[in-house]
């Protein structure tokens, strides 16, 4: 996706298992809020309470009211959105100059394009 190596989980529990694996270095998480077995809110809570709580998390939702705590996420994308909008947000977090990502991390935003 957008030139990045991506690990895909079919549900929230699988996402947490992938995140917790020592052999995988996770630089960023993109999660839908409404998923089977474990919500994106719960995935984000797990990450924030993990040894890697600084991992950027991008939430994707069709209904903003599904977000339990916006502070769990670095940014929130509202559905529908263009793939280019997701790519732009990912680049902001993963670019070598972290200035833009730090600005995003200061508070969650609702992005849509």
N, C-alpha and C. Protein backbone atom coordinates (compact mmCIF):
# COMPACT_ATOMS: atom_id res chain seq x y z
N UNK A 1 0.85 -1.18 0.00
CA UNK A 1 0.00 0.00 0.00
C UNK A 1 0.89 1.24 0.00
N UNK A 2 0.72 2.08 -0.98
CA UNK A 2 1.46 3.34 -1.10
C UNK A 2 2.97 3.13 -1.03
N UNK A 3 3.45 1.92 -1.40
CA UNK A 3 4.87 1.64 -1.39
C UNK A 3 5.43 1.17 -0.06
N UNK A 4 4.58 0.91 0.93
CA UNK A 4 5.03 0.46 2.25
C UNK A 4 4.77 -1.03 2.42
N UNK A 5 5.56 -1.67 3.27
CA UNK A 5 5.30 -3.06 3.64
C UNK A 5 4.14 -3.06 4.62
N UNK A 6 3.12 -3.85 4.34
CA UNK A 6 1.90 -3.84 5.14
C UNK A 6 1.62 -5.24 5.68
N UNK A 7 1.30 -5.31 6.95
CA UNK A 7 0.80 -6.54 7.58
C UNK A 7 -0.70 -6.36 7.75
N UNK A 8 -1.48 -7.33 7.35
CA UNK A 8 -2.93 -7.21 7.39
C UNK A 8 -3.51 -8.18 8.43
N UNK A 9 -4.43 -7.67 9.23
CA UNK A 9 -5.15 -8.49 10.19
C UNK A 9 -6.63 -8.50 9.81
N UNK A 10 -7.28 -9.64 9.96
CA UNK A 10 -8.69 -9.74 9.56
C UNK A 10 -9.64 -9.28 10.66
N UNK A 11 -9.11 -9.08 11.87
CA UNK A 11 -9.95 -8.59 12.97
C UNK A 11 -9.05 -7.97 14.04
N UNK A 12 -9.67 -7.39 15.06
CA UNK A 12 -8.91 -6.70 16.10
C UNK A 12 -7.98 -7.60 16.89
N UNK A 13 -8.43 -8.79 17.22
CA UNK A 13 -7.57 -9.72 17.98
C UNK A 13 -6.32 -10.10 17.19
N UNK A 14 -6.49 -10.36 15.90
CA UNK A 14 -5.33 -10.66 15.06
C UNK A 14 -4.40 -9.46 14.96
N UNK A 15 -4.96 -8.27 14.93
CA UNK A 15 -4.13 -7.05 14.88
C UNK A 15 -3.26 -6.94 16.13
N UNK A 16 -3.84 -7.21 17.29
CA UNK A 16 -3.09 -7.16 18.55
C UNK A 16 -1.99 -8.23 18.54
N UNK A 17 -2.32 -9.43 18.06
CA UNK A 17 -1.30 -10.49 17.99
C UNK A 17 -0.14 -10.09 17.09
N UNK A 18 -0.46 -9.49 15.94
CA UNK A 18 0.60 -9.02 15.04
C UNK A 18 1.44 -7.93 15.70
N UNK A 19 0.78 -7.00 16.34
CA UNK A 19 1.49 -5.89 16.98
C UNK A 19 2.44 -6.39 18.07
N UNK A 20 2.02 -7.40 18.80
CA UNK A 20 2.80 -7.90 19.93
C UNK A 20 3.96 -8.81 19.53
N UNK A 21 4.02 -9.22 18.29
CA UNK A 21 5.12 -10.10 17.86
C UNK A 21 6.44 -9.34 17.92
N UNK A 22 7.44 -9.97 18.50
CA UNK A 22 8.77 -9.35 18.60
C UNK A 22 9.47 -9.25 17.25
N UNK A 23 9.17 -10.16 16.36
CA UNK A 23 9.90 -10.19 15.09
C UNK A 23 9.39 -9.15 14.09
N UNK A 24 8.29 -8.50 14.40
CA UNK A 24 7.74 -7.49 13.50
C UNK A 24 7.93 -6.10 14.12
N UNK A 25 8.54 -5.21 13.36
CA UNK A 25 8.68 -3.82 13.80
C UNK A 25 7.53 -3.02 13.21
N UNK A 26 6.63 -2.55 14.06
CA UNK A 26 5.46 -1.81 13.61
C UNK A 26 5.76 -0.32 13.77
N UNK A 27 5.73 0.41 12.65
CA UNK A 27 6.00 1.84 12.67
C UNK A 27 4.72 2.67 12.76
N UNK A 28 3.59 2.06 12.39
CA UNK A 28 2.33 2.79 12.34
C UNK A 28 1.20 1.77 12.25
N UNK A 29 0.06 2.10 12.85
CA UNK A 29 -1.12 1.23 12.79
C UNK A 29 -2.27 2.01 12.18
N UNK A 30 -2.94 1.39 11.22
CA UNK A 30 -4.17 1.91 10.65
C UNK A 30 -5.26 0.93 11.04
N UNK A 31 -6.26 1.40 11.75
CA UNK A 31 -7.32 0.50 12.20
C UNK A 31 -8.71 1.06 11.93
N UNK A 32 -9.57 0.18 11.48
CA UNK A 32 -10.98 0.53 11.40
C UNK A 32 -11.51 0.47 12.83
N UNK A 33 -12.49 1.27 13.14
CA UNK A 33 -13.06 1.25 14.49
C UNK A 33 -14.01 0.07 14.65
N UNK A 34 -14.81 -0.19 13.64
CA UNK A 34 -15.80 -1.26 13.72
C UNK A 34 -15.23 -2.52 13.08
N UNK A 35 -14.73 -3.45 13.93
CA UNK A 35 -14.15 -4.70 13.45
C UNK A 35 -14.70 -5.86 14.27
N UNK A 36 -14.63 -7.08 13.70
CA UNK A 36 -15.05 -8.26 14.46
C UNK A 36 -14.09 -8.56 15.62
N UNK A 37 -14.60 -9.17 16.65
CA UNK A 37 -13.85 -9.69 17.79
C UNK A 37 -13.30 -8.64 18.75
N UNK A 38 -12.79 -7.55 18.23
CA UNK A 38 -12.20 -6.50 19.06
C UNK A 38 -12.22 -5.21 18.26
N UNK A 39 -12.76 -4.15 18.84
CA UNK A 39 -12.89 -2.89 18.10
C UNK A 39 -11.55 -2.19 17.93
N UNK A 40 -11.51 -1.25 17.02
CA UNK A 40 -10.33 -0.42 16.85
C UNK A 40 -10.02 0.39 18.11
N UNK A 41 -11.05 0.75 18.87
CA UNK A 41 -10.84 1.43 20.15
C UNK A 41 -10.04 0.54 21.09
N UNK A 42 -10.40 -0.75 21.16
CA UNK A 42 -9.70 -1.68 22.04
C UNK A 42 -8.28 -1.96 21.54
N UNK A 43 -8.12 -2.03 20.23
CA UNK A 43 -6.77 -2.20 19.67
C UNK A 43 -5.90 -1.02 20.09
N UNK A 44 -6.43 0.19 19.95
CA UNK A 44 -5.67 1.39 20.31
C UNK A 44 -5.34 1.41 21.80
N UNK A 45 -6.29 1.02 22.64
CA UNK A 45 -6.03 0.96 24.08
C UNK A 45 -4.88 -0.02 24.39
N UNK A 46 -4.92 -1.15 23.71
CA UNK A 46 -3.86 -2.16 23.89
C UNK A 46 -2.49 -1.56 23.53
N UNK A 47 -2.44 -0.88 22.40
CA UNK A 47 -1.17 -0.29 21.95
C UNK A 47 -0.71 0.78 22.93
N UNK A 48 -1.60 1.63 23.38
CA UNK A 48 -1.22 2.70 24.32
C UNK A 48 -0.75 2.16 25.66
N UNK A 49 -1.15 0.93 26.01
CA UNK A 49 -0.71 0.31 27.26
C UNK A 49 0.40 -0.71 27.04
N UNK A 50 0.98 -0.73 25.86
CA UNK A 50 2.02 -1.68 25.50
C UNK A 50 3.40 -1.07 25.74
N UNK A 51 4.45 -1.85 25.54
CA UNK A 51 5.81 -1.29 25.61
C UNK A 51 6.11 -0.29 24.49
N UNK A 52 5.20 -0.19 23.48
CA UNK A 52 5.40 0.73 22.36
C UNK A 52 4.22 1.71 22.26
N UNK A 53 3.93 2.45 23.32
CA UNK A 53 2.73 3.31 23.32
C UNK A 53 2.81 4.50 22.38
N UNK A 54 4.01 4.83 21.92
CA UNK A 54 4.19 5.98 21.04
C UNK A 54 3.87 5.66 19.58
N UNK A 55 3.56 4.41 19.28
CA UNK A 55 3.25 4.01 17.91
C UNK A 55 2.08 4.85 17.38
N UNK A 56 2.26 5.53 16.26
CA UNK A 56 1.16 6.31 15.69
C UNK A 56 0.00 5.40 15.29
N UNK A 57 -1.22 5.85 15.58
CA UNK A 57 -2.42 5.09 15.24
C UNK A 57 -3.36 5.99 14.45
N UNK A 58 -3.75 5.52 13.27
CA UNK A 58 -4.72 6.21 12.43
C UNK A 58 -6.02 5.43 12.52
N UNK A 59 -7.08 6.08 12.94
CA UNK A 59 -8.40 5.45 13.01
C UNK A 59 -9.17 5.75 11.74
N UNK A 60 -9.93 4.76 11.29
CA UNK A 60 -10.82 4.93 10.15
C UNK A 60 -12.23 4.61 10.64
N UNK A 61 -13.16 5.50 10.37
CA UNK A 61 -14.53 5.27 10.84
C UNK A 61 -15.56 5.88 9.90
N UNK A 62 -16.70 5.25 9.86
CA UNK A 62 -17.82 5.80 9.12
C UNK A 62 -18.73 6.63 10.01
N UNK A 63 -18.55 6.47 11.32
CA UNK A 63 -19.37 7.18 12.29
C UNK A 63 -18.49 7.68 13.42
N UNK A 64 -18.30 8.97 13.51
CA UNK A 64 -17.41 9.55 14.52
C UNK A 64 -17.84 9.14 15.93
N UNK A 65 -19.13 8.93 16.14
CA UNK A 65 -19.63 8.54 17.45
C UNK A 65 -19.11 7.18 17.93
N UNK A 66 -18.51 6.40 17.02
CA UNK A 66 -17.93 5.11 17.40
C UNK A 66 -16.61 5.27 18.15
N UNK A 67 -16.00 6.43 18.09
CA UNK A 67 -14.71 6.68 18.74
C UNK A 67 -14.95 6.87 20.24
N UNK A 68 -14.42 5.95 21.06
CA UNK A 68 -14.57 6.05 22.52
C UNK A 68 -13.79 7.23 23.09
N UNK A 69 -12.53 7.35 22.66
CA UNK A 69 -11.64 8.39 23.18
C UNK A 69 -10.74 8.85 22.04
N UNK A 70 -11.00 10.02 21.47
CA UNK A 70 -10.19 10.50 20.34
C UNK A 70 -8.70 10.60 20.68
N UNK A 71 -8.37 10.74 21.95
CA UNK A 71 -6.96 10.88 22.34
C UNK A 71 -6.18 9.58 22.18
N UNK A 72 -6.86 8.47 21.94
CA UNK A 72 -6.16 7.21 21.67
C UNK A 72 -5.50 7.22 20.30
N UNK A 73 -5.96 8.09 19.42
CA UNK A 73 -5.53 8.10 18.03
C UNK A 73 -4.75 9.36 17.69
N UNK A 74 -3.80 9.21 16.78
CA UNK A 74 -3.05 10.37 16.32
C UNK A 74 -3.84 11.17 15.31
N UNK A 75 -4.65 10.48 14.53
CA UNK A 75 -5.55 11.14 13.60
C UNK A 75 -6.70 10.20 13.27
N UNK A 76 -7.78 10.77 12.77
CA UNK A 76 -8.98 10.02 12.45
C UNK A 76 -9.40 10.38 11.03
N UNK A 77 -9.59 9.37 10.21
CA UNK A 77 -10.08 9.57 8.85
C UNK A 77 -11.54 9.13 8.80
N UNK A 78 -12.38 10.01 8.29
CA UNK A 78 -13.80 9.69 8.14
C UNK A 78 -14.04 9.05 6.78
N UNK A 79 -14.81 7.96 6.78
CA UNK A 79 -15.22 7.32 5.52
C UNK A 79 -16.35 8.13 4.91
N UNK A 80 -16.44 8.20 3.63
CA UNK A 80 -15.46 7.73 2.66
C UNK A 80 -14.31 8.73 2.52
N UNK A 81 -13.16 8.23 2.14
CA UNK A 81 -12.01 9.09 1.88
C UNK A 81 -11.26 8.53 0.69
N UNK A 82 -10.45 9.37 0.09
CA UNK A 82 -9.63 8.92 -1.04
C UNK A 82 -8.38 8.23 -0.51
N UNK A 83 -7.93 7.22 -1.22
CA UNK A 83 -6.71 6.52 -0.84
C UNK A 83 -5.54 7.49 -0.74
N UNK A 84 -5.55 8.52 -1.58
CA UNK A 84 -4.47 9.51 -1.54
C UNK A 84 -4.45 10.26 -0.20
N UNK A 85 -5.62 10.44 0.44
CA UNK A 85 -5.68 11.09 1.76
C UNK A 85 -5.01 10.21 2.81
N UNK A 86 -5.28 8.91 2.75
CA UNK A 86 -4.63 7.99 3.68
C UNK A 86 -3.12 7.98 3.44
N UNK A 87 -2.73 7.94 2.18
CA UNK A 87 -1.30 7.95 1.86
C UNK A 87 -0.60 9.19 2.38
N UNK A 88 -1.26 10.33 2.27
CA UNK A 88 -0.69 11.59 2.76
C UNK A 88 -0.47 11.55 4.27
N UNK A 89 -1.46 11.05 5.00
CA UNK A 89 -1.34 10.97 6.46
C UNK A 89 -0.24 9.98 6.85
N UNK A 90 -0.18 8.85 6.17
CA UNK A 90 0.87 7.86 6.46
C UNK A 90 2.24 8.48 6.23
N UNK A 91 2.41 9.17 5.10
CA UNK A 91 3.71 9.82 4.83
C UNK A 91 4.08 10.82 5.91
N UNK A 92 3.11 11.56 6.42
CA UNK A 92 3.40 12.52 7.48
C UNK A 92 4.00 11.84 8.71
N UNK A 93 3.51 10.67 9.03
CA UNK A 93 4.01 9.96 10.21
C UNK A 93 5.31 9.22 9.96
N UNK A 94 5.54 8.77 8.74
CA UNK A 94 6.70 7.92 8.48
C UNK A 94 7.88 8.64 7.82
N UNK A 95 7.70 9.88 7.45
CA UNK A 95 8.82 10.59 6.82
C UNK A 95 9.97 10.72 7.81
N UNK A 96 11.18 10.82 7.29
CA UNK A 96 12.34 10.89 8.18
C UNK A 96 12.36 12.17 9.00
N UNK A 97 11.86 13.27 8.45
CA UNK A 97 11.73 14.50 9.21
C UNK A 97 10.40 14.43 9.95
N UNK A 98 10.43 14.23 11.27
CA UNK A 98 9.23 14.00 12.05
C UNK A 98 8.49 15.28 12.44
N UNK A 99 8.88 16.41 11.90
CA UNK A 99 8.24 17.67 12.26
C UNK A 99 6.74 17.65 11.99
N UNK A 100 6.35 17.23 10.81
CA UNK A 100 4.93 17.21 10.46
C UNK A 100 4.17 16.20 11.31
N UNK A 101 4.78 15.04 11.55
CA UNK A 101 4.12 14.02 12.36
C UNK A 101 3.92 14.51 13.78
N UNK A 102 4.90 15.21 14.32
CA UNK A 102 4.76 15.74 15.68
C UNK A 102 3.59 16.71 15.76
N UNK A 103 3.41 17.50 14.72
CA UNK A 103 2.27 18.43 14.70
C UNK A 103 0.97 17.64 14.71
N UNK A 104 0.91 16.55 13.96
CA UNK A 104 -0.29 15.71 13.95
C UNK A 104 -0.50 15.05 15.30
N UNK A 105 0.58 14.63 15.97
CA UNK A 105 0.47 13.92 17.24
C UNK A 105 -0.05 14.81 18.36
N UNK A 106 0.05 16.10 18.20
CA UNK A 106 -0.33 16.99 19.29
C UNK A 106 -1.82 16.89 19.62
N UNK A 107 -2.65 16.56 18.65
CA UNK A 107 -4.07 16.33 18.94
C UNK A 107 -4.73 15.66 17.77
N UNK A 108 -5.66 14.77 18.03
CA UNK A 108 -6.33 14.06 16.93
C UNK A 108 -7.09 15.04 16.05
N UNK A 109 -7.17 14.70 14.79
CA UNK A 109 -7.94 15.52 13.87
C UNK A 109 -8.88 14.64 13.08
N UNK A 110 -9.90 15.24 12.54
CA UNK A 110 -10.83 14.54 11.68
C UNK A 110 -10.48 14.91 10.26
N UNK A 111 -9.88 13.99 9.52
CA UNK A 111 -9.48 14.28 8.16
C UNK A 111 -10.46 13.63 7.20
N UNK A 112 -10.73 14.30 6.14
CA UNK A 112 -11.58 13.75 5.10
C UNK A 112 -11.18 14.35 3.77
N UNK A 113 -11.19 13.54 2.76
CA UNK A 113 -10.90 14.01 1.39
C UNK A 113 -11.59 13.11 0.41
